[in-house]
Protein backbone atom coordinates (compact mmCIF):
# COMPACT_ATOMS: atom_id res chain seq x y z
CA ILE A 1 12.34 10.33 23.16
CA PHE A 2 9.87 7.71 21.94
CA GLY A 3 6.61 6.41 23.23
CA TRP A 4 6.62 2.83 24.50
CA ARG A 5 5.40 1.36 21.19
CA THR A 6 8.15 2.99 19.14
CA LYS A 7 10.81 2.11 21.71
CA SER A 8 9.58 -1.50 21.71
CA ALA A 9 9.79 -1.58 17.90
CA VAL A 10 13.34 -0.16 17.99
CA ILE A 11 14.37 -2.78 20.55
CA SER A 12 12.85 -5.58 18.41
CA PHE A 13 14.62 -4.24 15.32
CA GLN A 14 17.95 -4.06 17.15
CA ARG A 15 17.52 -7.60 18.45
CA ASP A 16 16.57 -8.94 14.98
CA TYR A 17 19.58 -7.28 13.35
CA GLY A 18 22.12 -8.28 16.00
CA LEU A 19 22.70 -4.73 17.22
CA MET A 20 23.28 -3.51 20.75
CA VAL A 21 19.78 -3.50 22.25
CA ASP A 22 19.24 -0.16 23.98
CA GLY A 23 16.12 1.28 22.31
CA ILE A 24 18.13 4.28 21.08
CA VAL A 25 18.33 5.08 17.37
CA GLY A 26 22.05 5.79 17.22
CA PRO A 27 24.40 5.59 14.23
CA GLN A 28 24.47 1.75 14.03
CA THR A 29 20.70 1.49 14.22
CA ILE A 30 20.24 4.23 11.62
CA ARG A 31 22.60 2.41 9.21
CA ALA A 32 20.74 -0.85 9.76
CA LEU A 33 17.36 0.86 9.26
CA ASN A 34 18.55 2.45 6.02
CA LYS A 35 19.89 -0.89 4.77
CA ALA A 36 16.61 -2.64 5.66
CA TYR A 37 14.63 0.10 3.91
CA GLU A 38 16.78 -0.20 0.76
CA ARG A 39 16.41 -3.98 0.75
CA GLN A 40 12.63 -3.66 1.07
CA ARG A 41 12.55 -1.13 -1.77
CA LYS A 42 14.54 -3.47 -4.01
CA THR A 43 12.39 -6.44 -3.01
CA ASN A 44 9.20 -4.55 -3.84
CA GLY A 45 10.64 -3.62 -7.24
CA ILE A 46 11.75 -7.17 -8.00
CA ILE A 47 8.37 -8.64 -7.05
CA ALA A 48 6.44 -6.00 -9.01
CA THR A 49 8.66 -6.38 -12.09
CA SER A 50 8.43 -10.17 -12.02
CA LYS A 51 4.65 -10.25 -11.55
CA GLY A 52 4.26 -7.77 -14.40
CA LEU A 53 5.79 -10.41 -16.69
CA ILE A 54 3.33 -13.22 -15.88
CA GLY A 55 2.20 -14.81 -19.11
CA VAL A 56 5.27 -13.91 -21.17
CA PRO A 57 6.00 -17.08 -23.17
CA TYR A 58 8.93 -19.40 -22.66
CA VAL A 59 11.68 -19.12 -25.25
CA TRP A 60 14.84 -21.18 -24.85
CA GLY A 61 17.68 -18.68 -24.50
CA GLY A 62 15.14 -15.84 -24.22
CA THR A 63 16.13 -12.71 -22.35
CA SER A 64 13.41 -10.19 -23.28
CA THR A 65 9.70 -9.55 -22.92
CA SER A 66 9.10 -11.40 -26.18
CA GLY A 67 10.15 -14.59 -24.36
CA PHE A 68 12.27 -15.83 -21.46
CA ASP A 69 13.97 -18.95 -20.30
CA CYS A 70 14.33 -19.30 -16.54
CA SER A 71 17.68 -17.56 -16.08
CA GLY A 72 16.94 -14.98 -18.77
CA PHE A 73 13.86 -14.08 -16.72
CA THR A 74 15.72 -13.71 -13.41
CA LYS A 75 18.57 -11.79 -15.06
CA TYR A 76 16.08 -9.41 -16.71
CA VAL A 77 14.07 -8.81 -13.52
CA PHE A 78 17.10 -8.17 -11.34
CA ASN A 79 18.74 -5.97 -13.98
CA LYS A 80 15.59 -3.81 -14.13
CA ASN A 81 16.12 -3.30 -10.39
CA GLY A 82 19.81 -2.40 -10.54
CA ILE A 83 21.28 -5.83 -9.79
CA THR A 84 23.50 -7.59 -12.32
CA LEU A 85 23.30 -11.38 -12.50
CA PRO A 86 25.21 -13.81 -14.70
CA ARG A 87 23.29 -15.17 -17.69
CA VAL A 88 22.79 -18.85 -16.79
CA SER A 89 21.26 -20.48 -13.71
CA ARG A 90 24.41 -22.43 -12.79
CA ASP A 91 26.37 -19.18 -12.67
CA GLN A 92 23.59 -17.34 -10.83
CA PHE A 93 23.83 -20.11 -8.22
CA ASN A 94 27.35 -18.91 -7.39
CA VAL A 95 26.26 -15.32 -6.64
CA GLY A 96 25.24 -14.01 -3.23
CA ARG A 97 25.08 -16.00 -0.05
CA TYR A 98 23.44 -19.29 0.85
CA VAL A 99 19.96 -19.17 2.39
CA SER A 100 18.29 -22.18 4.00
CA PHE A 101 14.78 -23.11 2.85
CA LYS A 102 13.29 -22.14 6.21
CA SER A 103 14.98 -18.71 5.99
CA LEU A 104 13.71 -17.75 2.52
CA ILE A 105 12.39 -14.24 2.12
CA PRO A 106 10.82 -12.60 -0.93
CA GLY A 107 13.40 -11.74 -3.57
CA ASP A 108 15.69 -14.70 -2.90
CA LEU A 109 16.73 -16.80 -5.89
CA VAL A 110 15.61 -20.44 -5.63
CA PHE A 111 17.43 -23.15 -7.57
CA PHE A 112 16.37 -26.55 -8.83
CA SER A 113 17.82 -29.67 -10.46
CA PHE A 114 15.32 -31.37 -12.78
CA ASN A 115 17.75 -34.27 -13.20
CA LYS A 116 17.83 -34.60 -9.38
CA ASN A 117 21.61 -34.83 -9.51
CA GLY A 118 22.27 -31.60 -7.62
CA GLN A 119 23.40 -29.78 -10.76
CA VAL A 120 21.40 -26.57 -11.09
CA ASP A 121 19.34 -26.28 -14.25
CA HIS A 122 16.42 -24.04 -13.21
CA VAL A 123 15.97 -20.84 -11.21
CA GLY A 124 13.08 -18.75 -9.91
CA ILE A 125 12.39 -15.85 -7.54
CA TYR A 126 10.86 -16.56 -4.13
CA LEU A 127 7.65 -14.60 -3.47
CA GLY A 128 6.84 -15.73 0.07
CA ASN A 129 4.25 -18.19 1.41
CA GLU A 130 6.06 -21.09 -0.31
CA LYS A 131 5.46 -19.58 -3.77
CA PHE A 132 7.95 -18.54 -6.41
CA ILE A 133 7.82 -17.05 -9.89
CA ASN A 134 9.70 -18.61 -12.78
CA ALA A 135 9.73 -19.11 -16.53
CA THR A 136 8.60 -22.65 -17.32
CA SER A 137 8.64 -24.34 -20.70
CA SER A 138 4.96 -25.29 -20.32
CA LYS A 139 3.42 -22.04 -19.03
CA GLY A 140 5.96 -19.28 -19.62
CA VAL A 141 6.32 -16.88 -16.71
CA THR A 142 4.10 -18.18 -13.94
CA VAL A 143 3.75 -18.41 -10.17
CA SER A 144 4.40 -21.89 -8.78
CA SER A 145 3.91 -23.35 -5.31
CA PHE A 146 6.45 -25.50 -3.51
CA THR A 147 4.49 -28.70 -4.08
CA SER A 148 6.03 -32.07 -3.32
CA TYR A 149 7.37 -32.11 -6.90
CA TRP A 150 9.15 -28.75 -6.60
CA LYS A 151 10.50 -29.68 -3.18
CA SER A 152 11.89 -32.91 -4.65
CA VAL A 153 13.94 -30.99 -7.24
CA TYR A 154 14.86 -28.02 -4.99
CA VAL A 155 18.61 -27.56 -4.52
CA SER A 156 19.22 -24.33 -2.62
CA ALA A 157 18.69 -20.58 -2.50
CA ARG A 158 20.81 -17.45 -2.66
CA ARG A 159 20.30 -13.91 -1.42
CA VAL A 160 22.02 -11.53 -3.82
CA TYR A 161 21.24 -8.11 -2.29
């Protein structure tokens, strides 16, 4: 038996996760809570790992803390958090499920096409608040904002966990 605040939170959670809304923490709600907790734990790890690499230089083909290219960076970060990604951005683009720009949440992979032809050639990790972290040839691992430039080369996003 919950107080009204806890029951209200359970009802909101059930509604947000498409569960039967009854305010009772039964088996379906417990599974959904555990899944949400695990996702948050992974997200926290991915964000912490990626931010800990800010300033690592860009190295074409780089996959280690001595230097990263964009997809080497994302592969490294996700691997450190128990998620295996393919090596190159075009292949990473085919993993997980599509996420619309307005539905991005921290930990989603964001993909870009510098040639503006729709062919993926860059990837980063969404941080929230229209910011993402990526390995750029000019700054190495850095946090970028979705400026008009980045929005003009944005292709799509994927959620892989």
